[in-house]
Amino acid sequence: MTDIIKTVSHAIESQFPDIYKSEGQELIAFVKAYYEFLETTDKYSVKVNRAMFESNDVDDSLDEFLVHFKEKYLADFPF
């Protein structure tokens, strides 16, 4: 398996055409700050998707997944 890069905000500027690098620095800074926010917040998809391969073991899985799994599949299960 290839190594998954955990952050993408460092590559944002290279995704824009050269015209934005000379005349649209504010837009690039905004988009970069937006992705940095998404990478640091647990509830948004960028951080969760990048950590997907680390949480494939149920013992290391996200707590939110376990709560969802219990509510979805074990709601009527007699304990």
Protein backbone atom coordinates (compact mmCIF):
# COMPACT_ATOMS: atom_id res chain seq x y z
CA MET A 1 0.00 0.00 0.00
CA THR A 2 1.23 3.49 -0.74
CA ASP A 3 1.77 6.02 1.98
CA ILE A 4 -1.19 8.35 2.44
CA ILE A 5 -0.26 12.01 2.82
CA LYS A 6 -2.19 13.24 5.84
CA THR A 7 -2.42 16.88 4.79
CA VAL A 8 -3.10 18.51 1.44
CA SER A 9 -3.05 22.17 2.42
CA HIS A 10 0.64 22.47 1.61
CA ALA A 11 -0.09 21.65 -2.05
CA ILE A 12 -2.96 24.08 -2.59
CA GLU A 13 -0.90 26.86 -4.15
CA SER A 14 0.53 24.55 -6.81
CA GLN A 15 -3.00 23.65 -7.95
CA PHE A 16 -3.81 27.19 -9.07
CA PRO A 17 -2.86 28.64 -12.48
CA ASP A 18 -0.06 31.21 -12.56
CA ILE A 19 -2.48 34.13 -12.99
CA TYR A 20 -3.81 33.50 -9.48
CA LYS A 21 -0.31 33.37 -8.04
CA SER A 22 0.35 36.89 -9.28
CA GLU A 23 -3.12 38.48 -9.04
CA GLY A 24 -5.13 36.30 -6.68
CA GLN A 25 -3.02 35.69 -3.59
CA GLU A 26 -6.02 36.38 -1.34
CA LEU A 27 -8.03 33.55 -2.93
CA ILE A 28 -5.11 31.13 -2.61
CA ALA A 29 -4.62 32.11 1.03
CA PHE A 30 -8.34 31.65 1.71
CA VAL A 31 -8.50 28.19 0.11
CA LYS A 32 -5.32 27.13 1.91
CA ALA A 33 -6.71 28.31 5.27
CA TYR A 34 -9.97 26.47 4.52
CA TYR A 35 -8.14 23.20 3.92
CA GLU A 36 -6.01 23.72 7.04
CA PHE A 37 -9.25 24.11 9.01
CA LEU A 38 -10.68 20.92 7.51
CA GLU A 39 -7.49 19.03 8.36
CA THR A 40 -7.60 20.03 12.02
CA THR A 41 -11.29 19.41 12.66
CA ASP A 42 -12.36 15.85 13.46
CA LYS A 43 -15.91 16.16 12.17
CA TYR A 44 -15.05 17.02 8.56
CA SER A 45 -14.19 14.63 5.79
CA VAL A 46 -10.61 15.60 4.92
CA LYS A 47 -9.09 14.46 8.20
CA VAL A 48 -11.36 11.42 8.52
CA ASN A 49 -10.75 10.29 4.93
CA ARG A 50 -6.99 10.66 5.26
CA ALA A 51 -7.04 8.53 8.43
CA MET A 52 -9.26 5.85 6.89
CA PHE A 53 -6.56 3.22 6.53
CA GLU A 54 -5.37 3.74 10.10
CA SER A 55 -8.80 2.96 11.55
CA ASN A 56 -9.63 -0.23 9.67
CA ASP A 57 -9.10 -2.31 12.82
CA VAL A 58 -12.19 -2.23 15.05
CA ASP A 59 -9.98 -1.90 18.13
CA ASP A 60 -8.45 1.28 16.70
CA SER A 61 -11.61 2.57 15.06
CA LEU A 62 -13.19 5.94 15.64
CA ASP A 63 -15.53 6.19 18.60
CA GLU A 64 -18.21 7.76 16.40
CA PHE A 65 -18.22 4.66 14.19
CA LEU A 66 -18.71 2.35 17.15
CA VAL A 67 -21.64 4.40 18.43
CA HIS A 68 -23.18 4.43 14.93
CA PHE A 69 -22.63 0.67 14.55
CA LYS A 70 -24.27 -0.02 17.92
CA GLU A 71 -27.28 2.19 17.16
CA LYS A 72 -27.69 0.79 13.64
CA TYR A 73 -27.15 -2.93 14.10
CA LEU A 74 -27.50 -3.64 17.81
CA ALA A 75 -30.50 -1.47 18.66
CA ASP A 76 -32.90 -4.42 19.06
CA PHE A 77 -30.30 -6.93 20.16
CA PRO A 78 -31.05 -8.39 23.61
CA PHE A 79 -28.09 -8.12 25.97
